[in-house]
Amino acid sequence: MSQAAILHADPAETPLTPESWGKLGMWIFLAGDAMSFGGLIAAYAALRIGTPTWPVPAKVLGIQLTALMTFLLICSSVTMVKALSAIRHGNRAGLTKFLSLTILGGLLFLGMQAYEWHHLIVEQGMAIQNNLFDATFFILTGFHGCHVTGGVLYLSVVLSKGLAGKYSASNYNGVELVGLYWHFVDLVWILIFTFVYLI
């Protein structure tokens, strides 16, 4: 090919669309966030193994309320899946209904976590400065609670856009992205529930 032909050749197009750029960005964010949670859980495990006087979590924290919180988050993942499915089929009413239920699940989780913290701090005297058990518990669950709070706000923004008619069967990328974030938050909680409360 001559030099003139090379100069006039069409530039190569990127295979990434605006939608896939958004997904790539979200996956990169979630990968970094996963490392943050992984580091915290690994630190918790190291401290627990190295502390012979570590209390039995189930006796200190209780399981029933937290099991209900876990169930609520799992249900909210289901409603998130249904919200995405609804808008993929052009069902805006379904999107609104299931996003609202997802937000409700997140708010109920946060309310129960606030109740749990109040009970542990006021009635049982737990505090982040008391010992390593208390510190790791409040840091891990608090860090996750911040993510749930951020997720509820994110979902609320997506819901407001849905109510304004911004999403359709051919334009649902924003709903898909918030779904990725919400499923990640739910998965992380299952890990925290297993390692901090059950084992």
N, C-alpha and C. Protein backbone atom coordinates (compact mmCIF):
# COMPACT_ATOMS: atom_id res chain seq x y z
N MET A 1 0.85 -1.20 0.00
CA MET A 1 0.00 0.00 0.00
C MET A 1 0.88 1.24 0.00
N SER A 2 0.54 2.19 -0.83
CA SER A 2 1.36 3.40 -0.94
C SER A 2 1.20 4.27 0.30
N GLN A 3 2.16 5.21 0.46
CA GLN A 3 2.11 6.10 1.63
C GLN A 3 0.86 6.99 1.58
N ALA A 4 0.45 7.41 0.39
CA ALA A 4 -0.74 8.26 0.25
C ALA A 4 -2.00 7.51 0.67
N ALA A 5 -2.07 6.21 0.30
CA ALA A 5 -3.24 5.40 0.67
C ALA A 5 -3.30 5.22 2.18
N ILE A 6 -2.11 5.05 2.79
CA ILE A 6 -2.08 4.88 4.24
C ILE A 6 -2.57 6.14 4.93
N LEU A 7 -2.15 7.31 4.42
CA LEU A 7 -2.54 8.58 5.03
C LEU A 7 -4.04 8.83 4.94
N HIS A 8 -4.66 8.33 3.85
CA HIS A 8 -6.08 8.57 3.65
C HIS A 8 -6.97 7.42 4.15
N ALA A 9 -6.37 6.41 4.79
CA ALA A 9 -7.15 5.28 5.31
C ALA A 9 -7.99 5.73 6.50
N ASP A 10 -9.16 5.13 6.61
CA ASP A 10 -10.02 5.46 7.75
C ASP A 10 -9.36 5.01 9.05
N PRO A 11 -9.45 5.83 10.08
CA PRO A 11 -8.87 5.42 11.37
C PRO A 11 -9.61 4.22 11.94
N ALA A 12 -8.88 3.37 12.64
CA ALA A 12 -9.50 2.18 13.24
C ALA A 12 -10.46 2.62 14.33
N GLU A 13 -11.63 2.00 14.35
CA GLU A 13 -12.62 2.33 15.36
C GLU A 13 -12.42 1.46 16.60
N THR A 14 -12.62 2.07 17.75
CA THR A 14 -12.52 1.30 18.98
C THR A 14 -13.70 0.34 19.08
N PRO A 15 -13.47 -0.88 19.55
CA PRO A 15 -14.57 -1.83 19.71
C PRO A 15 -15.46 -1.49 20.90
N LEU A 16 -15.04 -0.51 21.72
CA LEU A 16 -15.81 -0.18 22.91
C LEU A 16 -16.86 0.89 22.60
N THR A 17 -18.10 0.60 22.92
CA THR A 17 -19.18 1.57 22.78
C THR A 17 -19.31 2.34 24.10
N PRO A 18 -20.08 3.43 24.12
CA PRO A 18 -20.29 4.12 25.40
C PRO A 18 -20.83 3.19 26.49
N GLU A 19 -21.69 2.24 26.10
CA GLU A 19 -22.23 1.30 27.07
C GLU A 19 -21.14 0.39 27.63
N SER A 20 -20.30 -0.13 26.74
CA SER A 20 -19.26 -1.04 27.22
C SER A 20 -18.17 -0.29 27.99
N TRP A 21 -17.96 0.99 27.67
CA TRP A 21 -17.03 1.81 28.48
C TRP A 21 -17.56 1.89 29.91
N GLY A 22 -18.87 2.09 30.04
CA GLY A 22 -19.47 2.16 31.37
C GLY A 22 -19.30 0.86 32.14
N LYS A 23 -19.52 -0.26 31.47
CA LYS A 23 -19.34 -1.56 32.12
C LYS A 23 -17.90 -1.78 32.52
N LEU A 24 -16.98 -1.42 31.61
CA LEU A 24 -15.56 -1.58 31.92
C LEU A 24 -15.19 -0.76 33.15
N GLY A 25 -15.68 0.49 33.18
CA GLY A 25 -15.39 1.34 34.33
C GLY A 25 -15.94 0.76 35.62
N MET A 26 -17.16 0.22 35.57
CA MET A 26 -17.77 -0.35 36.76
C MET A 26 -17.01 -1.59 37.22
N TRP A 27 -16.60 -2.44 36.26
CA TRP A 27 -15.85 -3.64 36.64
C TRP A 27 -14.50 -3.29 37.26
N ILE A 28 -13.84 -2.25 36.74
CA ILE A 28 -12.57 -1.81 37.32
C ILE A 28 -12.79 -1.30 38.74
N PHE A 29 -13.85 -0.51 38.92
CA PHE A 29 -14.18 -0.01 40.26
C PHE A 29 -14.45 -1.16 41.22
N LEU A 30 -15.25 -2.13 40.77
CA LEU A 30 -15.61 -3.25 41.64
C LEU A 30 -14.39 -4.11 41.96
N ALA A 31 -13.47 -4.25 41.01
CA ALA A 31 -12.25 -5.02 41.26
C ALA A 31 -11.42 -4.35 42.36
N GLY A 32 -11.30 -3.02 42.28
CA GLY A 32 -10.58 -2.29 43.32
C GLY A 32 -11.28 -2.40 44.67
N ASP A 33 -12.61 -2.30 44.65
CA ASP A 33 -13.39 -2.40 45.88
C ASP A 33 -13.28 -3.80 46.48
N ALA A 34 -13.26 -4.80 45.61
CA ALA A 34 -13.12 -6.17 46.10
C ALA A 34 -11.79 -6.36 46.83
N MET A 35 -10.74 -5.69 46.34
CA MET A 35 -9.45 -5.78 47.01
C MET A 35 -9.50 -5.11 48.38
N SER A 36 -10.26 -4.02 48.48
CA SER A 36 -10.41 -3.35 49.78
C SER A 36 -11.09 -4.27 50.78
N PHE A 37 -12.21 -4.86 50.36
CA PHE A 37 -12.91 -5.78 51.25
C PHE A 37 -12.06 -7.02 51.53
N GLY A 38 -11.37 -7.51 50.51
CA GLY A 38 -10.51 -8.68 50.70
C GLY A 38 -9.43 -8.41 51.72
N GLY A 39 -8.84 -7.22 51.67
CA GLY A 39 -7.81 -6.86 52.65
C GLY A 39 -8.38 -6.79 54.05
N LEU A 40 -9.56 -6.22 54.20
CA LEU A 40 -10.18 -6.13 55.53
C LEU A 40 -10.54 -7.51 56.08
N ILE A 41 -11.09 -8.37 55.23
CA ILE A 41 -11.45 -9.71 55.68
C ILE A 41 -10.20 -10.52 56.02
N ALA A 42 -9.13 -10.36 55.21
CA ALA A 42 -7.88 -11.07 55.50
C ALA A 42 -7.27 -10.58 56.82
N ALA A 43 -7.34 -9.27 57.07
CA ALA A 43 -6.84 -8.73 58.34
C ALA A 43 -7.64 -9.28 59.51
N TYR A 44 -8.96 -9.35 59.33
CA TYR A 44 -9.83 -9.92 60.37
C TYR A 44 -9.43 -11.36 60.66
N ALA A 45 -9.22 -12.14 59.60
CA ALA A 45 -8.85 -13.55 59.77
C ALA A 45 -7.51 -13.69 60.50
N ALA A 46 -6.53 -12.85 60.12
CA ALA A 46 -5.21 -12.92 60.75
C ALA A 46 -5.28 -12.57 62.23
N LEU A 47 -6.04 -11.52 62.55
CA LEU A 47 -6.18 -11.12 63.96
C LEU A 47 -6.92 -12.19 64.76
N ARG A 48 -7.94 -12.76 64.14
CA ARG A 48 -8.71 -13.79 64.86
C ARG A 48 -7.87 -15.03 65.13
N ILE A 49 -7.10 -15.47 64.14
CA ILE A 49 -6.26 -16.66 64.32
C ILE A 49 -5.18 -16.40 65.36
N GLY A 50 -4.66 -15.18 65.38
CA GLY A 50 -3.57 -14.85 66.30
C GLY A 50 -4.00 -14.42 67.68
N THR A 51 -5.29 -14.43 67.96
CA THR A 51 -5.79 -13.99 69.28
C THR A 51 -6.51 -15.15 69.95
N PRO A 52 -5.86 -15.82 70.89
CA PRO A 52 -6.46 -17.00 71.51
C PRO A 52 -7.72 -16.70 72.33
N THR A 53 -7.86 -15.45 72.77
CA THR A 53 -9.04 -15.09 73.59
C THR A 53 -10.19 -14.54 72.76
N TRP A 54 -10.13 -14.74 71.44
CA TRP A 54 -11.18 -14.20 70.56
C TRP A 54 -12.53 -14.82 70.94
N PRO A 55 -13.56 -14.00 71.15
CA PRO A 55 -14.86 -14.55 71.57
C PRO A 55 -15.55 -15.29 70.43
N VAL A 56 -16.51 -16.13 70.79
CA VAL A 56 -17.34 -16.81 69.79
C VAL A 56 -18.34 -15.77 69.27
N PRO A 57 -18.26 -15.41 67.98
CA PRO A 57 -19.10 -14.32 67.47
C PRO A 57 -20.59 -14.52 67.69
N ALA A 58 -21.08 -15.73 67.50
CA ALA A 58 -22.52 -15.98 67.61
C ALA A 58 -23.04 -15.67 69.02
N LYS A 59 -22.18 -15.85 70.04
CA LYS A 59 -22.60 -15.59 71.42
C LYS A 59 -22.64 -14.09 71.73
N VAL A 60 -21.81 -13.33 71.04
CA VAL A 60 -21.73 -11.89 71.28
C VAL A 60 -22.71 -11.12 70.40
N LEU A 61 -22.76 -11.51 69.12
CA LEU A 61 -23.50 -10.72 68.15
C LEU A 61 -24.94 -11.19 67.94
N GLY A 62 -25.18 -12.47 68.09
CA GLY A 62 -26.50 -12.98 67.76
C GLY A 62 -26.62 -13.19 66.26
N ILE A 63 -27.51 -14.08 65.88
CA ILE A 63 -27.61 -14.48 64.48
C ILE A 63 -28.96 -14.13 63.85
N GLN A 64 -30.03 -14.18 64.63
CA GLN A 64 -31.38 -14.09 64.04
C GLN A 64 -31.59 -12.79 63.26
N LEU A 65 -31.28 -11.64 63.86
CA LEU A 65 -31.48 -10.37 63.17
C LEU A 65 -30.62 -10.28 61.93
N THR A 66 -29.37 -10.72 62.06
CA THR A 66 -28.45 -10.62 60.92
C THR A 66 -28.84 -11.57 59.81
N ALA A 67 -29.38 -12.72 60.16
CA ALA A 67 -29.88 -13.65 59.14
C ALA A 67 -31.03 -13.01 58.37
N LEU A 68 -31.89 -12.29 59.07
CA LEU A 68 -32.99 -11.58 58.41
C LEU A 68 -32.44 -10.48 57.49
N MET A 69 -31.42 -9.76 57.95
CA MET A 69 -30.79 -8.73 57.13
C MET A 69 -30.21 -9.34 55.84
N THR A 70 -29.58 -10.51 56.00
CA THR A 70 -29.00 -11.19 54.85
C THR A 70 -30.09 -11.62 53.87
N PHE A 71 -31.17 -12.14 54.41
CA PHE A 71 -32.30 -12.55 53.56
C PHE A 71 -32.86 -11.35 52.79
N LEU A 72 -32.96 -10.20 53.45
CA LEU A 72 -33.47 -8.99 52.78
C LEU A 72 -32.57 -8.57 51.63
N LEU A 73 -31.25 -8.64 51.84
CA LEU A 73 -30.35 -8.25 50.76
C LEU A 73 -30.43 -9.22 49.59
N ILE A 74 -30.57 -10.51 49.89
CA ILE A 74 -30.71 -11.49 48.81
C ILE A 74 -32.00 -11.22 48.03
N CYS A 75 -33.08 -10.92 48.74
CA CYS A 75 -34.35 -10.58 48.06
C CYS A 75 -34.19 -9.32 47.21
N SER A 76 -33.41 -8.36 47.71
CA SER A 76 -33.21 -7.12 46.95
C SER A 76 -32.41 -7.38 45.67
N SER A 77 -31.56 -8.40 45.70
CA SER A 77 -30.85 -8.78 44.47
C SER A 77 -31.83 -9.35 43.45
N VAL A 78 -32.80 -10.12 43.95
CA VAL A 78 -33.82 -10.68 43.06
C VAL A 78 -34.64 -9.57 42.42
N THR A 79 -35.07 -8.58 43.23
CA THR A 79 -35.86 -7.48 42.67
C THR A 79 -35.03 -6.64 41.70
N MET A 80 -33.70 -6.56 41.94
CA MET A 80 -32.84 -5.85 41.00
C MET A 80 -32.81 -6.57 39.65
N VAL A 81 -32.72 -7.89 39.68
CA VAL A 81 -32.75 -8.67 38.45
C VAL A 81 -34.08 -8.46 37.71
N LYS A 82 -35.18 -8.42 38.46
CA LYS A 82 -36.49 -8.23 37.86
C LYS A 82 -36.64 -6.82 37.28
N ALA A 83 -36.02 -5.83 37.92
CA ALA A 83 -36.07 -4.46 37.40
C ALA A 83 -35.37 -4.38 36.05
N LEU A 84 -34.20 -5.00 35.95
CA LEU A 84 -33.46 -4.99 34.69
C LEU A 84 -34.23 -5.75 33.61
N SER A 85 -34.79 -6.90 33.99
CA SER A 85 -35.57 -7.68 33.03
C SER A 85 -36.77 -6.89 32.53
N ALA A 86 -37.41 -6.15 33.44
CA ALA A 86 -38.59 -5.37 33.06
C ALA A 86 -38.26 -4.33 32.01
N ILE A 87 -37.19 -3.57 32.22
CA ILE A 87 -36.89 -2.49 31.27
C ILE A 87 -36.34 -3.07 29.97
N ARG A 88 -35.70 -4.21 30.02
CA ARG A 88 -35.25 -4.85 28.78
C ARG A 88 -36.44 -5.22 27.89
N HIS A 89 -37.58 -5.45 28.53
CA HIS A 89 -38.81 -5.76 27.78
C HIS A 89 -39.69 -4.52 27.60
N GLY A 90 -39.14 -3.36 27.89
CA GLY A 90 -39.87 -2.11 27.69
C GLY A 90 -40.93 -1.83 28.74
N ASN A 91 -40.86 -2.52 29.88
CA ASN A 91 -41.86 -2.37 30.93
C ASN A 91 -41.37 -1.34 31.95
N ARG A 92 -41.72 -0.08 31.74
CA ARG A 92 -41.27 0.98 32.65
C ARG A 92 -41.93 0.90 34.01
N ALA A 93 -43.18 0.47 34.04
CA ALA A 93 -43.87 0.32 35.33
C ALA A 93 -43.19 -0.76 36.18
N GLY A 94 -42.79 -1.85 35.53
CA GLY A 94 -42.08 -2.91 36.24
C GLY A 94 -40.73 -2.43 36.76
N LEU A 95 -40.06 -1.63 35.94
CA LEU A 95 -38.78 -1.06 36.37
C LEU A 95 -38.97 -0.24 37.64
N THR A 96 -39.96 0.63 37.63
CA THR A 96 -40.22 1.49 38.79
C THR A 96 -40.56 0.66 40.02
N LYS A 97 -41.42 -0.33 39.85
CA LYS A 97 -41.85 -1.16 40.99
C LYS A 97 -40.68 -1.92 41.60
N PHE A 98 -39.90 -2.58 40.75
CA PHE A 98 -38.84 -3.43 41.29
C PHE A 98 -37.64 -2.62 41.78
N LEU A 99 -37.36 -1.48 41.17
CA LEU A 99 -36.31 -0.61 41.72
C LEU A 99 -36.73 -0.08 43.08
N SER A 100 -38.00 0.27 43.23
CA SER A 100 -38.50 0.76 44.51
C SER A 100 -38.37 -0.31 45.59
N LEU A 101 -38.68 -1.55 45.22
CA LEU A 101 -38.55 -2.65 46.17
C LEU A 101 -37.09 -2.89 46.54
N THR A 102 -36.20 -2.73 45.58
CA THR A 102 -34.77 -2.88 45.85
C THR A 102 -34.29 -1.82 46.83
N ILE A 103 -34.72 -0.58 46.61
CA ILE A 103 -34.37 0.51 47.52
C ILE A 103 -34.94 0.24 48.91
N LEU A 104 -36.17 -0.24 48.97
CA LEU A 104 -36.79 -0.55 50.26
C LEU A 104 -35.98 -1.62 50.99
N GLY A 105 -35.53 -2.64 50.27
CA GLY A 105 -34.71 -3.67 50.89
C GLY A 105 -33.42 -3.10 51.47
N GLY A 106 -32.79 -2.18 50.73
CA GLY A 106 -31.57 -1.54 51.22
C GLY A 106 -31.83 -0.69 52.45
N LEU A 107 -32.93 0.05 52.45
CA LEU A 107 -33.27 0.90 53.60
C LEU A 107 -33.59 0.06 54.84
N LEU A 108 -34.31 -1.04 54.65
CA LEU A 108 -34.60 -1.92 55.78
C LEU A 108 -33.33 -2.53 56.34
N PHE A 109 -32.42 -2.91 55.47
CA PHE A 109 -31.13 -3.44 55.91
C PHE A 109 -30.40 -2.41 56.76
N LEU A 110 -30.33 -1.17 56.28
CA LEU A 110 -29.62 -0.12 57.02
C LEU A 110 -30.31 0.17 58.36
N GLY A 111 -31.64 0.15 58.37
CA GLY A 111 -32.36 0.36 59.62
C GLY A 111 -32.06 -0.73 60.63
N MET A 112 -32.01 -1.97 60.17
CA MET A 112 -31.71 -3.08 61.07
C MET A 112 -30.26 -3.03 61.54
N GLN A 113 -29.37 -2.61 60.65
CA GLN A 113 -27.97 -2.49 61.07
C GLN A 113 -27.81 -1.40 62.12
N ALA A 114 -28.52 -0.30 61.96
CA ALA A 114 -28.49 0.77 62.96
C ALA A 114 -29.02 0.27 64.30
N TYR A 115 -30.10 -0.52 64.25
CA TYR A 115 -30.66 -1.10 65.48
C TYR A 115 -29.63 -2.04 66.13
N GLU A 116 -28.98 -2.87 65.32
CA GLU A 116 -27.98 -3.80 65.83
C GLU A 116 -26.84 -3.05 66.50
N TRP A 117 -26.32 -2.04 65.83
CA TRP A 117 -25.22 -1.25 66.39
C TRP A 117 -25.65 -0.60 67.71
N HIS A 118 -26.85 -0.02 67.74
CA HIS A 118 -27.34 0.62 68.96
C HIS A 118 -27.40 -0.38 70.11
N HIS A 119 -27.92 -1.57 69.82
CA HIS A 119 -28.01 -2.63 70.84
C HIS A 119 -26.63 -3.02 71.34
N LEU A 120 -25.68 -3.22 70.43
CA LEU A 120 -24.34 -3.66 70.81
C LEU A 120 -23.58 -2.58 71.57
N ILE A 121 -23.76 -1.33 71.17
CA ILE A 121 -23.02 -0.23 71.82
C ILE A 121 -23.64 0.14 73.16
N VAL A 122 -24.96 0.34 73.18
CA VAL A 122 -25.63 0.83 74.39
C VAL A 122 -25.85 -0.28 75.41
N GLU A 123 -26.31 -1.45 74.96
CA GLU A 123 -26.69 -2.51 75.89
C GLU A 123 -25.54 -3.46 76.22
N GLN A 124 -24.61 -3.65 75.28
CA GLN A 124 -23.53 -4.59 75.54
C GLN A 124 -22.18 -3.91 75.72
N GLY A 125 -22.14 -2.61 75.52
CA GLY A 125 -20.91 -1.87 75.79
C GLY A 125 -19.81 -2.05 74.76
N MET A 126 -20.14 -2.54 73.58
CA MET A 126 -19.12 -2.69 72.55
C MET A 126 -18.71 -1.31 72.02
N ALA A 127 -17.43 -1.16 71.70
CA ALA A 127 -16.92 0.09 71.15
C ALA A 127 -15.67 -0.20 70.34
N ILE A 128 -15.45 0.61 69.34
CA ILE A 128 -14.34 0.34 68.42
C ILE A 128 -12.98 0.38 69.12
N GLN A 129 -12.88 1.12 70.24
CA GLN A 129 -11.61 1.25 70.93
C GLN A 129 -11.42 0.20 72.02
N ASN A 130 -12.43 -0.66 72.24
CA ASN A 130 -12.34 -1.63 73.34
C ASN A 130 -11.30 -2.71 73.10
N ASN A 131 -11.40 -3.39 71.98
CA ASN A 131 -10.52 -4.53 71.70
C ASN A 131 -10.55 -4.81 70.20
N LEU A 132 -9.75 -5.78 69.77
CA LEU A 132 -9.64 -6.09 68.34
C LEU A 132 -10.95 -6.66 67.78
N PHE A 133 -11.67 -7.43 68.57
CA PHE A 133 -12.94 -7.99 68.10
C PHE A 133 -13.92 -6.86 67.77
N ASP A 134 -14.09 -5.94 68.71
CA ASP A 134 -15.01 -4.83 68.49
C ASP A 134 -14.56 -3.98 67.31
N ALA A 135 -13.26 -3.70 67.25
CA ALA A 135 -12.74 -2.84 66.17
C ALA A 135 -12.97 -3.45 64.80
N THR A 136 -12.65 -4.72 64.64
CA THR A 136 -12.81 -5.35 63.32
C THR A 136 -14.28 -5.48 62.96
N PHE A 137 -15.13 -5.74 63.95
CA PHE A 137 -16.56 -5.85 63.67
C PHE A 137 -17.11 -4.52 63.14
N PHE A 138 -16.85 -3.44 63.85
CA PHE A 138 -17.41 -2.14 63.44
C PHE A 138 -16.81 -1.64 62.13
N ILE A 139 -15.53 -1.90 61.92
CA ILE A 139 -14.90 -1.45 60.67
C ILE A 139 -15.46 -2.20 59.47
N LEU A 140 -15.55 -3.52 59.58
CA LEU A 140 -16.04 -4.33 58.46
C LEU A 140 -17.51 -4.04 58.15
N THR A 141 -18.35 -4.09 59.18
CA THR A 141 -19.78 -3.88 58.94
C THR A 141 -20.07 -2.42 58.60
N GLY A 142 -19.29 -1.50 59.18
CA GLY A 142 -19.49 -0.09 58.87
C GLY A 142 -19.08 0.24 57.45
N PHE A 143 -17.96 -0.33 56.99
CA PHE A 143 -17.50 -0.11 55.62
C PHE A 143 -18.55 -0.63 54.64
N HIS A 144 -19.10 -1.80 54.94
CA HIS A 144 -20.14 -2.34 54.07
C HIS A 144 -21.40 -1.48 54.14
N GLY A 145 -21.76 -1.02 55.33
CA GLY A 145 -22.93 -0.16 55.47
C GLY A 145 -22.82 1.11 54.65
N CYS A 146 -21.61 1.66 54.56
CA CYS A 146 -21.39 2.83 53.71
C CYS A 146 -21.66 2.49 52.25
N HIS A 147 -21.28 1.29 51.84
CA HIS A 147 -21.53 0.86 50.46
C HIS A 147 -23.03 0.67 50.20
N VAL A 148 -23.74 0.14 51.18
CA VAL A 148 -25.19 -0.02 51.01
C VAL A 148 -25.85 1.37 50.91
N THR A 149 -25.40 2.30 51.76
CA THR A 149 -25.93 3.67 51.70
C THR A 149 -25.69 4.28 50.33
N GLY A 150 -24.46 4.13 49.82
CA GLY A 150 -24.15 4.63 48.49
C GLY A 150 -24.99 3.95 47.43
N GLY A 151 -25.24 2.65 47.60
CA GLY A 151 -26.06 1.91 46.65
C GLY A 151 -27.50 2.38 46.64
N VAL A 152 -28.04 2.67 47.82
CA VAL A 152 -29.42 3.17 47.90
C VAL A 152 -29.54 4.53 47.20
N LEU A 153 -28.54 5.38 47.40
CA LEU A 153 -28.55 6.69 46.73
C LEU A 153 -28.43 6.52 45.21
N TYR A 154 -27.54 5.62 44.79
CA TYR A 154 -27.34 5.33 43.37
C TYR A 154 -28.64 4.80 42.76
N LEU A 155 -29.27 3.86 43.44
CA LEU A 155 -30.54 3.30 42.96
C LEU A 155 -31.62 4.38 42.88
N SER A 156 -31.61 5.30 43.83
CA SER A 156 -32.61 6.38 43.83
C SER A 156 -32.45 7.29 42.63
N VAL A 157 -31.19 7.56 42.26
CA VAL A 157 -30.93 8.37 41.07
C VAL A 157 -31.43 7.65 39.82
N VAL A 158 -31.13 6.35 39.72
CA VAL A 158 -31.58 5.57 38.57
C VAL A 158 -33.11 5.51 38.53
N LEU A 159 -33.74 5.37 39.70
CA LEU A 159 -35.19 5.35 39.76
C LEU A 159 -35.78 6.67 39.27
N SER A 160 -35.17 7.79 39.69
CA SER A 160 -35.68 9.10 39.25
C SER A 160 -35.55 9.25 37.74
N LYS A 161 -34.48 8.73 37.17
CA LYS A 161 -34.32 8.77 35.72
C LYS A 161 -35.35 7.86 35.04
N GLY A 162 -35.61 6.72 35.66
CA GLY A 162 -36.63 5.83 35.12
C GLY A 162 -38.00 6.46 35.12
N LEU A 163 -38.33 7.17 36.21
CA LEU A 163 -39.62 7.86 36.29
C LEU A 163 -39.72 8.97 35.24
N ALA A 164 -38.56 9.54 34.87
CA ALA A 164 -38.54 10.59 33.85
C ALA A 164 -38.54 10.02 32.44
N GLY A 165 -38.58 8.69 32.32
CA GLY A 165 -38.63 8.05 31.01
C GLY A 165 -37.31 7.96 30.28
N LYS A 166 -36.20 8.00 31.04
CA LYS A 166 -34.88 7.97 30.40
C LYS A 166 -34.46 6.58 29.93
N TYR A 167 -35.12 5.53 30.44
CA TYR A 167 -34.74 4.16 30.08
C TYR A 167 -35.83 3.50 29.24
N SER A 168 -35.38 2.59 28.37
CA SER A 168 -36.30 1.88 27.48
C SER A 168 -35.70 0.53 27.13
N ALA A 169 -36.41 -0.21 26.27
CA ALA A 169 -35.92 -1.52 25.86
C ALA A 169 -34.62 -1.43 25.08
N SER A 170 -34.34 -0.28 24.51
CA SER A 170 -33.09 -0.12 23.75
C SER A 170 -32.06 0.72 24.51
N ASN A 171 -32.41 1.21 25.70
CA ASN A 171 -31.51 2.06 26.47
C ASN A 171 -31.68 1.75 27.96
N TYR A 172 -30.94 0.76 28.42
CA TYR A 172 -31.08 0.34 29.82
C TYR A 172 -29.71 0.17 30.49
N ASN A 173 -28.67 0.75 29.89
CA ASN A 173 -27.32 0.56 30.41
C ASN A 173 -27.18 1.04 31.85
N GLY A 174 -27.81 2.18 32.18
CA GLY A 174 -27.72 2.70 33.53
C GLY A 174 -28.29 1.75 34.57
N VAL A 175 -29.36 1.06 34.22
CA VAL A 175 -29.96 0.09 35.13
C VAL A 175 -29.04 -1.11 35.29
N GLU A 176 -28.41 -1.52 34.21
CA GLU A 176 -27.50 -2.66 34.26
C GLU A 176 -26.29 -2.36 35.15
N LEU A 177 -25.78 -1.13 35.06
CA LEU A 177 -24.60 -0.75 35.84
C LEU A 177 -24.91 -0.72 37.34
N VAL A 178 -26.05 -0.14 37.71
CA VAL A 178 -26.38 -0.11 39.14
C VAL A 178 -26.66 -1.53 39.64
N GLY A 179 -27.15 -2.40 38.76
CA GLY A 179 -27.35 -3.79 39.13
C GLY A 179 -26.05 -4.49 39.46
N LEU A 180 -25.01 -4.23 38.67
CA LEU A 180 -23.70 -4.81 38.95
C LEU A 180 -23.21 -4.39 40.33
N TYR A 181 -23.34 -3.11 40.64
CA TYR A 181 -22.89 -2.61 41.94
C TYR A 181 -23.69 -3.25 43.07
N TRP A 182 -25.01 -3.33 42.90
CA TRP A 182 -25.85 -3.84 43.98
C TRP A 182 -25.59 -5.32 44.23
N HIS A 183 -25.40 -6.10 43.18
CA HIS A 183 -25.10 -7.52 43.36
C HIS A 183 -23.76 -7.70 44.06
N PHE A 184 -22.80 -6.84 43.75
CA PHE A 184 -21.49 -6.90 44.42
C PHE A 184 -21.66 -6.64 45.92
N VAL A 185 -22.42 -5.61 46.27
CA VAL A 185 -22.65 -5.28 47.68
C VAL A 185 -23.31 -6.45 48.41
N ASP A 186 -24.26 -7.09 47.76
CA ASP A 186 -24.94 -8.23 48.37
C ASP A 186 -23.99 -9.41 48.56
N LEU A 187 -23.17 -9.68 47.57
CA LEU A 187 -22.21 -10.78 47.66
C LEU A 187 -21.21 -10.55 48.79
N VAL A 188 -20.72 -9.33 48.91
CA VAL A 188 -19.77 -9.01 49.97
C VAL A 188 -20.41 -9.23 51.34
N TRP A 189 -21.68 -8.84 51.48
CA TRP A 189 -22.33 -9.03 52.78
C TRP A 189 -22.44 -10.51 53.13
N ILE A 190 -22.71 -11.36 52.15
CA ILE A 190 -22.79 -12.80 52.43
C ILE A 190 -21.45 -13.30 52.97
N LEU A 191 -20.33 -12.80 52.40
CA LEU A 191 -19.01 -13.17 52.90
C LEU A 191 -18.80 -12.67 54.32
N ILE A 192 -19.18 -11.41 54.58
CA ILE A 192 -19.01 -10.85 55.93
C ILE A 192 -19.87 -11.62 56.92
N PHE A 193 -21.10 -11.90 56.55
CA PHE A 193 -21.99 -12.65 57.43
C PHE A 193 -21.40 -14.02 57.77
N THR A 194 -20.82 -14.67 56.76
CA THR A 194 -20.24 -16.00 56.98
C THR A 194 -19.02 -15.94 57.89
N PHE A 195 -18.07 -15.04 57.58
CA PHE A 195 -16.81 -15.00 58.31
C PHE A 195 -16.91 -14.34 59.68
N VAL A 196 -17.73 -13.31 59.80
CA VAL A 196 -17.79 -12.54 61.05
C VAL A 196 -18.84 -13.08 62.01
N TYR A 197 -19.97 -13.53 61.49
CA TYR A 197 -21.06 -13.95 62.36
C TYR A 197 -21.14 -15.46 62.57
N LEU A 198 -20.86 -16.24 61.53
CA LEU A 198 -21.13 -17.68 61.59
C LEU A 198 -19.93 -18.53 62.00
N ILE A 199 -18.76 -18.20 61.45
CA ILE A 199 -17.58 -19.06 61.69
C ILE A 199 -16.91 -18.71 63.02
